[in-house]
Amino acid sequence: MTSENERRVIRVGGSDTFDFLQNLVTNDLDRLSEGPVYAALLTPQGKLIADFLVLQDGEALLVDVAEAFADPLVQRLNMYRLRADVRIEPTGIKVRRGTGAAPEGAVADPRHPSLGWRLYGESDGDDGTDFAAIRVAGVIPESGIELGPETYILEAGFDRLNGVDFRKGCYVGQEVTARMKHKTELRKGLIRVDVEGAAPAGTEIEREGKKVGILYTQSDGQAIAYARFDRLAPGMTAGEARVTPAGTARD
């Protein structure tokens, strides 16, 4: 488990920066003229390496990534860099976030309006907003919590969260992602559930001895869960707690 706001900001610079990232990530970086872009880097098999926000920084780009995913992301970017004119460097930039009045220089979180603003500068933390409650209400996954190395991004709702573009050119993992979008019906994914009783995050959800899914972030009797849709039915439990579906990422 990781804190929701332990972030690292990486600078990617050099004359080949834009094309380098555009050919790797799930979203269309042409949208940077409108503000930050939410995207991910995947394995060739379509599984998540890291999700992040990309921002314009003069001729360079800033990548705002969870601390837990930062080293694997940098390692993979350096592997792809080869002879391209690209420099991947650490920065001392910190990330502050909130949902109240946005301070000067803040930018809107592109994933969902309820996530408010992000400010890049010398201080981190937030304005006291209960982001866990916001994420549960909107079924919005977080790096290192609902999102991990086995995640397929469509099961995590990236199309709903402005994290993938199906009209851009190829990127790593694009074939698997496109096939999941156009040729199959998702059988698993994130949903919102009601939880009656105590069950820590990470507890398996079961029904009649069969695994239904896993319970994650909780707030006020509800939680984000990863579940098999065909096994959702009355009688589910997570440890000693009762679990019932409250809504899906498709609400």
C-alpha atoms as a PDB file:
ATOM      1  CA  MET A   1       0.000   0.000   0.000  1.00  0.00           C
ATOM      2  CA  THR A   2       1.245   3.497  -0.782  1.00  0.00           C
ATOM      3  CA  SER A   3       0.335   7.053   0.080  1.00  0.00           C
ATOM      4  CA  GLU A   4      -1.813   8.643  -2.587  1.00  0.00           C
ATOM      5  CA  ASN A   5       0.376  11.722  -2.951  1.00  0.00           C
ATOM      6  CA  GLU A   6       3.964  10.436  -2.868  1.00  0.00           C
ATOM      7  CA  ARG A   7       4.981  11.659  -6.287  1.00  0.00           C
ATOM      8  CA  ARG A   8       8.145  12.149  -8.318  1.00  0.00           C
ATOM      9  CA  VAL A   9       8.398  14.642 -11.172  1.00  0.00           C
ATOM     10  CA  ILE A  10      10.767  13.687 -13.983  1.00  0.00           C
ATOM     11  CA  ARG A  11      11.895  15.969 -16.800  1.00  0.00           C
ATOM     12  CA  VAL A  12      12.250  14.543 -20.305  1.00  0.00           C
ATOM     13  CA  GLY A  13      14.187  16.834 -22.635  1.00  0.00           C
ATOM     14  CA  GLY A  14      16.038  16.806 -25.937  1.00  0.00           C
ATOM     15  CA  SER A  15      15.075  17.352 -29.558  1.00  0.00           C
ATOM     16  CA  ASP A  16      13.367  13.950 -29.882  1.00  0.00           C
ATOM     17  CA  THR A  17      11.339  14.205 -26.666  1.00  0.00           C
ATOM     18  CA  PHE A  18       7.848  14.610 -28.093  1.00  0.00           C
ATOM     19  CA  ASP A  19       8.076  11.865 -30.721  1.00  0.00           C
ATOM     20  CA  PHE A  20       9.828   9.577 -28.241  1.00  0.00           C
ATOM     21  CA  LEU A  21       7.004   9.716 -25.689  1.00  0.00           C
ATOM     22  CA  GLN A  22       4.217   9.976 -28.270  1.00  0.00           C
ATOM     23  CA  ASN A  23       5.283   6.619 -29.713  1.00  0.00           C
ATOM     24  CA  LEU A  24       5.291   4.935 -26.290  1.00  0.00           C
ATOM     25  CA  VAL A  25       2.343   6.146 -24.207  1.00  0.00           C
ATOM     26  CA  THR A  26      -1.388   5.414 -24.355  1.00  0.00           C
ATOM     27  CA  ASN A  27      -2.668   8.942 -24.894  1.00  0.00           C
ATOM     28  CA  ASP A  28      -2.219  11.590 -27.573  1.00  0.00           C
ATOM     29  CA  LEU A  29       0.329  14.174 -26.468  1.00  0.00           C
ATOM     30  CA  ASP A  30      -0.955  16.623 -29.057  1.00  0.00           C
ATOM     31  CA  ARG A  31      -3.485  17.427 -26.312  1.00  0.00           C
ATOM     32  CA  LEU A  32      -0.740  19.040 -24.214  1.00  0.00           C
ATOM     33  CA  SER A  33      -1.697  22.399 -25.697  1.00  0.00           C
ATOM     34  CA  GLU A  34      -4.942  22.081 -23.698  1.00  0.00           C
ATOM     35  CA  GLY A  35      -3.288  21.150 -20.385  1.00  0.00           C
ATOM     36  CA  PRO A  36      -1.893  18.063 -18.634  1.00  0.00           C
ATOM     37  CA  VAL A  37      -2.434  14.686 -20.281  1.00  0.00           C
ATOM     38  CA  TYR A  38      -3.085  11.484 -18.331  1.00  0.00           C
ATOM     39  CA  ALA A  39      -1.409   8.454 -19.877  1.00  0.00           C
ATOM     40  CA  ALA A  40       0.327   5.173 -19.161  1.00  0.00           C
ATOM     41  CA  LEU A  41       3.285   3.140 -20.340  1.00  0.00           C
ATOM     42  CA  LEU A  42       2.449  -0.519 -20.893  1.00  0.00           C
ATOM     43  CA  THR A  43       4.321  -3.725 -21.520  1.00  0.00           C
ATOM     44  CA  PRO A  44       4.036  -5.219 -25.017  1.00  0.00           C
ATOM     45  CA  GLN A  45       1.476  -7.584 -23.446  1.00  0.00           C
ATOM     46  CA  GLY A  46      -0.717  -4.610 -22.523  1.00  0.00           C
ATOM     47  CA  LYS A  47      -0.084  -4.612 -18.769  1.00  0.00           C
ATOM     48  CA  LEU A  48       0.668  -1.472 -16.766  1.00  0.00           C
ATOM     49  CA  ILE A  49       4.203  -0.315 -16.030  1.00  0.00           C
ATOM     50  CA  ALA A  50       3.199   3.127 -14.790  1.00  0.00           C
ATOM     51  CA  ASP A  51       0.426   5.697 -15.095  1.00  0.00           C
ATOM     52  CA  PHE A  52       1.297   9.393 -14.945  1.00  0.00           C
ATOM     53  CA  LEU A  53       0.452  12.937 -15.951  1.00  0.00           C
ATOM     54  CA  VAL A  54       2.477  14.686 -18.661  1.00  0.00           C
ATOM     55  CA  LEU A  55       2.885  18.479 -18.724  1.00  0.00           C
ATOM     56  CA  GLN A  56       4.574  20.887 -21.093  1.00  0.00           C
ATOM     57  CA  ASP A  57       7.688  22.575 -19.640  1.00  0.00           C
ATOM     58  CA  GLY A  58       9.042  24.831 -22.344  1.00  0.00           C
ATOM     59  CA  GLU A  59      10.752  22.568 -24.872  1.00  0.00           C
ATOM     60  CA  ALA A  60      10.781  19.708 -22.363  1.00  0.00           C
ATOM     61  CA  LEU A  61       8.042  17.599 -20.799  1.00  0.00           C
ATOM     62  CA  LEU A  62       7.405  16.897 -17.133  1.00  0.00           C
ATOM     63  CA  VAL A  63       6.165  13.469 -16.050  1.00  0.00           C
ATOM     64  CA  ASP A  64       4.291  13.382 -12.721  1.00  0.00           C
ATOM     65  CA  VAL A  65       4.365   9.762 -11.516  1.00  0.00           C
ATOM     66  CA  ALA A  66       3.740   7.926  -8.255  1.00  0.00           C
ATOM     67  CA  GLU A  67       6.947   7.332  -6.318  1.00  0.00           C
ATOM     68  CA  ALA A  68       6.219   3.591  -6.304  1.00  0.00           C
ATOM     69  CA  PHE A  69       6.223   3.522 -10.128  1.00  0.00           C
ATOM     70  CA  ALA A  70       8.986   6.054 -10.779  1.00  0.00           C
ATOM     71  CA  ASP A  71      12.010   3.757 -10.907  1.00  0.00           C
ATOM     72  CA  PRO A  72      10.387   1.148 -13.203  1.00  0.00           C
ATOM     73  CA  LEU A  73       9.207   3.969 -15.476  1.00  0.00           C
ATOM     74  CA  VAL A  74      12.641   5.585 -15.737  1.00  0.00           C
ATOM     75  CA  GLN A  75      14.264   2.211 -16.315  1.00  0.00           C
ATOM     76  CA  ARG A  76      11.879   1.373 -19.160  1.00  0.00           C
ATOM     77  CA  LEU A  77      12.173   4.828 -20.761  1.00  0.00           C
ATOM     78  CA  ASN A  78      15.959   4.536 -20.734  1.00  0.00           C
ATOM     79  CA  MET A  79      15.668   1.096 -22.347  1.00  0.00           C
ATOM     80  CA  TYR A  80      13.621   2.572 -25.203  1.00  0.00           C
ATOM     81  CA  ARG A  81      15.776   5.691 -25.567  1.00  0.00           C
ATOM     82  CA  LEU A  82      18.546   4.019 -27.597  1.00  0.00           C
ATOM     83  CA  ARG A  83      20.186   6.741 -29.747  1.00  0.00           C
ATOM     84  CA  ALA A  84      17.356   9.252 -29.572  1.00  0.00           C
ATOM     85  CA  ASP A  85      18.203  12.765 -28.413  1.00  0.00           C
ATOM     86  CA  VAL A  86      16.347  12.368 -25.137  1.00  0.00           C
ATOM     87  CA  ARG A  87      17.474  13.179 -21.602  1.00  0.00           C
ATOM     88  CA  ILE A  88      15.579  11.749 -18.624  1.00  0.00           C
ATOM     89  CA  GLU A  89      16.402  13.717 -15.502  1.00  0.00           C
ATOM     90  CA  PRO A  90      15.142  14.037 -11.917  1.00  0.00           C
ATOM     91  CA  THR A  91      13.742  17.339 -10.688  1.00  0.00           C
ATOM     92  CA  GLY A  92      13.094  18.817  -7.278  1.00  0.00           C
ATOM     93  CA  ILE A  93       9.545  19.746  -8.279  1.00  0.00           C
ATOM     94  CA  LYS A  94       6.852  18.781  -5.786  1.00  0.00           C
ATOM     95  CA  VAL A  95       3.124  18.261  -6.288  1.00  0.00           C
ATOM     96  CA  ARG A  96       0.394  19.902  -4.232  1.00  0.00           C
ATOM     97  CA  ARG A  97      -3.282  19.163  -4.886  1.00  0.00           C
ATOM     98  CA  GLY A  98      -6.707  20.280  -3.756  1.00  0.00           C
ATOM     99  CA  THR A  99     -10.325  20.858  -4.692  1.00  0.00           C
ATOM    100  CA  GLY A 100     -10.936  24.335  -3.266  1.00  0.00           C
ATOM    101  CA  ALA A 101     -10.024  27.616  -4.930  1.00  0.00           C
ATOM    102  CA  ALA A 102      -7.121  26.868  -7.243  1.00  0.00           C
ATOM    103  CA  PRO A 103      -3.919  28.816  -6.495  1.00  0.00           C
ATOM    104  CA  GLU A 104      -2.160  30.748  -9.216  1.00  0.00           C
ATOM    105  CA  GLY A 105      -0.362  28.438 -11.605  1.00  0.00           C
ATOM    106  CA  ALA A 106      -2.394  25.355 -10.736  1.00  0.00           C
ATOM    107  CA  VAL A 107      -3.710  23.069 -13.478  1.00  0.00           C
ATOM    108  CA  ALA A 108      -6.819  20.901 -13.592  1.00  0.00           C
ATOM    109  CA  ASP A 109      -6.407  17.180 -13.031  1.00  0.00           C
ATOM    110  CA  PRO A 110      -7.371  15.731 -16.433  1.00  0.00           C
ATOM    111  CA  ARG A 111      -8.771  12.453 -15.097  1.00  0.00           C
ATOM    112  CA  HIS A 112     -12.000  13.778 -13.579  1.00  0.00           C
ATOM    113  CA  PRO A 113     -13.344  17.206 -12.509  1.00  0.00           C
ATOM    114  CA  SER A 114     -13.862  15.953  -8.944  1.00  0.00           C
ATOM    115  CA  LEU A 115     -10.089  15.571  -8.510  1.00  0.00           C
ATOM    116  CA  GLY A 116      -9.602  19.345  -8.587  1.00  0.00           C
ATOM    117  CA  TRP A 117      -6.237  20.947  -9.237  1.00  0.00           C
ATOM    118  CA  ARG A 118      -2.530  20.179  -9.064  1.00  0.00           C
ATOM    119  CA  LEU A 119       0.213  22.724  -8.400  1.00  0.00           C
ATOM    120  CA  TYR A 120       3.833  22.056  -9.334  1.00  0.00           C
ATOM    121  CA  GLY A 121       6.459  23.869  -7.311  1.00  0.00           C
ATOM    122  CA  GLU A 122       8.238  23.848  -3.963  1.00  0.00           C
ATOM    123  CA  SER A 123       5.587  22.305  -1.695  1.00  0.00           C
ATOM    124  CA  ASP A 124       3.629  19.066  -1.615  1.00  0.00           C
ATOM    125  CA  GLY A 125       0.599  17.815   0.324  1.00  0.00           C
ATOM    126  CA  ASP A 126      -3.001  18.828  -0.197  1.00  0.00           C
ATOM    127  CA  ASP A 127      -5.704  21.168   1.076  1.00  0.00           C
ATOM    128  CA  GLY A 128      -7.355  18.631   3.362  1.00  0.00           C
ATOM    129  CA  THR A 129      -9.687  17.179   0.743  1.00  0.00           C
ATOM    130  CA  ASP A 130     -10.785  13.589   1.363  1.00  0.00           C
ATOM    131  CA  PHE A 131      -9.435  12.214  -1.893  1.00  0.00           C
ATOM    132  CA  ALA A 132     -10.178   8.637  -0.895  1.00  0.00           C
ATOM    133  CA  ALA A 133     -13.879   9.508  -0.695  1.00  0.00           C
ATOM    134  CA  ILE A 134     -13.725  11.211  -4.094  1.00  0.00           C
ATOM    135  CA  ARG A 135     -12.009   8.229  -5.661  1.00  0.00           C
ATOM    136  CA  VAL A 136     -14.458   5.727  -4.206  1.00  0.00           C
ATOM    137  CA  ALA A 137     -17.451   7.778  -5.367  1.00  0.00           C
ATOM    138  CA  GLY A 138     -16.055   8.020  -8.897  1.00  0.00           C
ATOM    139  CA  VAL A 139     -14.361   4.596  -9.047  1.00  0.00           C
ATOM    140  CA  ILE A 140     -11.048   6.329  -9.755  1.00  0.00           C
ATOM    141  CA  PRO A 141      -8.025   4.049  -9.249  1.00  0.00           C
ATOM    142  CA  GLU A 142      -4.739   5.160  -7.707  1.00  0.00           C
ATOM    143  CA  SER A 143      -1.181   4.093  -8.554  1.00  0.00           C
ATOM    144  CA  GLY A 144       0.094   1.372  -6.250  1.00  0.00           C
ATOM    145  CA  ILE A 145      -3.354   0.751  -4.755  1.00  0.00           C
ATOM    146  CA  GLU A 146      -5.887  -0.311  -7.393  1.00  0.00           C
ATOM    147  CA  LEU A 147      -3.275   0.016 -10.157  1.00  0.00           C
ATOM    148  CA  GLY A 148      -0.383  -2.454 -10.266  1.00  0.00           C
ATOM    149  CA  PRO A 149       1.812  -4.496 -12.607  1.00  0.00           C
ATOM    150  CA  GLU A 150      -1.020  -6.896 -13.540  1.00  0.00           C
ATOM    151  CA  THR A 151      -3.474  -4.131 -14.458  1.00  0.00           C
ATOM    152  CA  TYR A 152      -5.066  -3.952 -17.881  1.00  0.00           C
ATOM    153  CA  ILE A 153      -5.936  -0.290 -18.222  1.00  0.00           C
ATOM    154  CA  LEU A 154      -9.423  -0.760 -19.679  1.00  0.00           C
ATOM    155  CA  GLU A 155     -10.384  -2.898 -16.683  1.00  0.00           C
ATOM    156  CA  ALA A 156      -9.297   0.093 -14.585  1.00  0.00           C
ATOM    157  CA  GLY A 157     -11.436   2.561 -16.540  1.00  0.00           C
ATOM    158  CA  PHE A 158      -8.727   4.483 -18.399  1.00  0.00           C
ATOM    159  CA  ASP A 159     -11.071   5.182 -21.303  1.00  0.00           C
ATOM    160  CA  ARG A 160     -13.481   6.836 -18.844  1.00  0.00           C
ATOM    161  CA  LEU A 161     -10.631   8.757 -17.166  1.00  0.00           C
ATOM    162  CA  ASN A 162      -9.169  10.293 -20.342  1.00  0.00           C
ATOM    163  CA  GLY A 163      -6.105   8.054 -20.156  1.00  0.00           C
ATOM    164  CA  VAL A 164      -6.150   6.367 -23.557  1.00  0.00           C
ATOM    165  CA  ASP A 165      -6.732   7.508 -27.134  1.00  0.00           C
ATOM    166  CA  PHE A 166      -7.943   4.911 -29.625  1.00  0.00           C
ATOM    167  CA  ARG A 167      -7.364   7.144 -32.645  1.00  0.00           C
ATOM    168  CA  LYS A 168      -3.677   7.945 -32.197  1.00  0.00           C
ATOM    169  CA  GLY A 169      -0.927   5.926 -33.786  1.00  0.00           C
ATOM    170  CA  CYS A 170       0.706   2.851 -32.346  1.00  0.00           C
ATOM    171  CA  TYR A 171       2.166   2.700 -28.853  1.00  0.00           C
ATOM    172  CA  VAL A 172       3.560  -0.094 -26.704  1.00  0.00           C
ATOM    173  CA  GLY A 173       0.735  -2.474 -25.758  1.00  0.00           C
ATOM    174  CA  GLN A 174      -1.670  -0.874 -28.253  1.00  0.00           C
ATOM    175  CA  GLU A 175      -2.656  -4.103 -29.977  1.00  0.00           C
ATOM    176  CA  VAL A 176      -3.834  -5.799 -26.786  1.00  0.00           C
ATOM    177  CA  THR A 177      -5.622  -2.663 -25.573  1.00  0.00           C
ATOM    178  CA  ALA A 178      -7.416  -2.142 -28.876  1.00  0.00           C
ATOM    179  CA  ARG A 179      -8.486  -5.782 -28.988  1.00  0.00           C
ATOM    180  CA  MET A 180      -9.959  -5.510 -25.488  1.00  0.00           C
ATOM    181  CA  LYS A 181     -11.836  -2.386 -26.579  1.00  0.00           C
ATOM    182  CA  HIS A 182     -13.248  -3.595 -29.876  1.00  0.00           C
ATOM    183  CA  LYS A 183     -13.371  -7.388 -29.869  1.00  0.00           C
ATOM    184  CA  THR A 184     -14.216  -8.514 -26.365  1.00  0.00           C
ATOM    185  CA  GLU A 185     -16.568  -7.695 -23.527  1.00  0.00           C
ATOM    186  CA  LEU A 186     -14.734  -7.001 -20.301  1.00  0.00           C
ATOM    187  CA  ARG A 187     -15.266  -9.786 -17.783  1.00  0.00           C
ATOM    188  CA  LYS A 188     -13.406  -8.119 -14.929  1.00  0.00           C
ATOM    189  CA  GLY A 189     -12.901  -4.580 -13.714  1.00  0.00           C
ATOM    190  CA  LEU A 190     -13.257  -1.995 -11.003  1.00  0.00           C
ATOM    191  CA  ILE A 191     -16.629  -1.417  -9.400  1.00  0.00           C
ATOM    192  CA  ARG A 192     -17.988   0.376  -6.361  1.00  0.00           C
ATOM    193  CA  VAL A 193     -19.336  -1.830  -3.585  1.00  0.00           C
ATOM    194  CA  ASP A 194     -21.119  -1.360  -0.269  1.00  0.00           C
ATOM    195  CA  VAL A 195     -19.243  -2.813   2.695  1.00  0.00           C
ATOM    196  CA  GLU A 196     -21.048  -3.716   5.919  1.00  0.00           C
ATOM    197  CA  GLY A 197     -18.500  -4.546   8.611  1.00  0.00           C
ATOM    198  CA  ALA A 198     -14.718  -4.286   8.842  1.00  0.00           C
ATOM    199  CA  ALA A 199     -12.382  -5.640   6.189  1.00  0.00           C
ATOM    200  CA  PRO A 200      -8.907  -4.262   5.462  1.00  0.00           C
ATOM    201  CA  ALA A 201      -7.882  -3.253   1.971  1.00  0.00           C
ATOM    202  CA  GLY A 202      -6.530  -6.225   0.089  1.00  0.00           C
ATOM    203  CA  THR A 203      -9.109  -8.640   1.498  1.00  0.00           C
ATOM    204  CA  GLU A 204     -10.444 -11.145  -1.016  1.00  0.00           C
ATOM    205  CA  ILE A 205     -14.153 -11.016  -1.831  1.00  0.00           C
ATOM    206  CA  GLU A 206     -15.743 -14.448  -1.955  1.00  0.00           C
ATOM    207  CA  ARG A 207     -19.112 -16.040  -2.601  1.00  0.00           C
ATOM    208  CA  GLU A 208     -19.927 -19.708  -2.045  1.00  0.00           C
ATOM    209  CA  GLY A 209     -16.240 -20.546  -1.763  1.00  0.00           C
ATOM    210  CA  LYS A 210     -15.281 -18.877  -5.039  1.00  0.00           C
ATOM    211  CA  LYS A 211     -13.134 -15.777  -5.386  1.00  0.00           C
ATOM    212  CA  VAL A 212     -15.071 -12.798  -6.742  1.00  0.00           C
ATOM    213  CA  GLY A 213     -12.403 -10.131  -6.435  1.00  0.00           C
ATOM    214  CA  ILE A 214     -10.392  -7.923  -4.083  1.00  0.00           C
ATOM    215  CA  LEU A 215     -11.436  -5.053  -1.853  1.00  0.00           C
ATOM    216  CA  TYR A 216      -9.396  -1.841  -2.115  1.00  0.00           C
ATOM    217  CA  THR A 217      -9.879   1.793  -1.027  1.00  0.00           C
ATOM    218  CA  GLN A 218     -12.797   2.319   1.400  1.00  0.00           C
ATOM    219  CA  SER A 219     -14.766   5.364   2.519  1.00  0.00           C
ATOM    220  CA  ASP A 220     -18.012   5.682   4.504  1.00  0.00           C
ATOM    221  CA  GLY A 221     -19.191   2.130   3.978  1.00  0.00           C
ATOM    222  CA  GLN A 222     -18.273   1.953   0.300  1.00  0.00           C
ATOM    223  CA  ALA A 223     -15.165   0.757  -1.498  1.00  0.00           C
ATOM    224  CA  ILE A 224     -13.496   0.275  -4.841  1.00  0.00           C
ATOM    225  CA  ALA A 225     -13.224  -3.399  -5.686  1.00  0.00           C
ATOM    226  CA  TYR A 226     -11.753  -5.364  -8.558  1.00  0.00           C
ATOM    227  CA  ALA A 227     -14.201  -8.111  -9.440  1.00  0.00           C
ATOM    228  CA  ARG A 228     -15.331 -10.706 -11.934  1.00  0.00           C
ATOM    229  CA  PHE A 229     -18.627  -9.392 -13.229  1.00  0.00           C
ATOM    230  CA  ASP A 230     -20.130 -12.841 -13.738  1.00  0.00           C
ATOM    231  CA  ARG A 231     -19.691 -13.681 -10.050  1.00  0.00           C
ATOM    232  CA  LEU A 232     -21.357 -10.583  -8.629  1.00  0.00           C
ATOM    233  CA  ALA A 233     -24.389 -11.746  -6.674  1.00  0.00           C
ATOM    234  CA  PRO A 234     -25.961 -11.566  -3.215  1.00  0.00           C
ATOM    235  CA  GLY A 235     -24.052 -13.334  -0.453  1.00  0.00           C
ATOM    236  CA  MET A 236     -20.577 -11.918  -1.080  1.00  0.00           C
ATOM    237  CA  THR A 237     -18.189 -11.487   1.859  1.00  0.00           C
ATOM    238  CA  ALA A 238     -14.762 -10.008   2.487  1.00  0.00           C
ATOM    239  CA  GLY A 239     -13.490 -11.538   5.695  1.00  0.00           C
ATOM    240  CA  GLU A 240     -16.219 -10.811   8.237  1.00  0.00           C
ATOM    241  CA  ALA A 241     -17.771  -8.027   6.159  1.00  0.00           C
ATOM    242  CA  ARG A 242     -20.759  -8.282   3.811  1.00  0.00           C
ATOM    243  CA  VAL A 243     -20.231  -6.891   0.321  1.00  0.00           C
ATOM    244  CA  THR A 244     -22.868  -5.858  -2.226  1.00  0.00           C
ATOM    245  CA  PRO A 245     -22.455  -4.078  -5.569  1.00  0.00           C
ATOM    246  CA  ALA A 246     -23.175  -0.344  -5.398  1.00  0.00           C
ATOM    247  CA  GLY A 247     -22.266   0.616  -8.958  1.00  0.00           C
ATOM    248  CA  THR A 248     -19.760   0.004 -11.679  1.00  0.00           C
ATOM    249  CA  ALA A 249     -17.219   2.108 -13.474  1.00  0.00           C
ATOM    250  CA  ARG A 250     -19.799   2.359 -16.255  1.00  0.00           C
ATOM    251  CA  ASP A 251     -22.264   4.420 -14.144  1.00  0.00           C
END
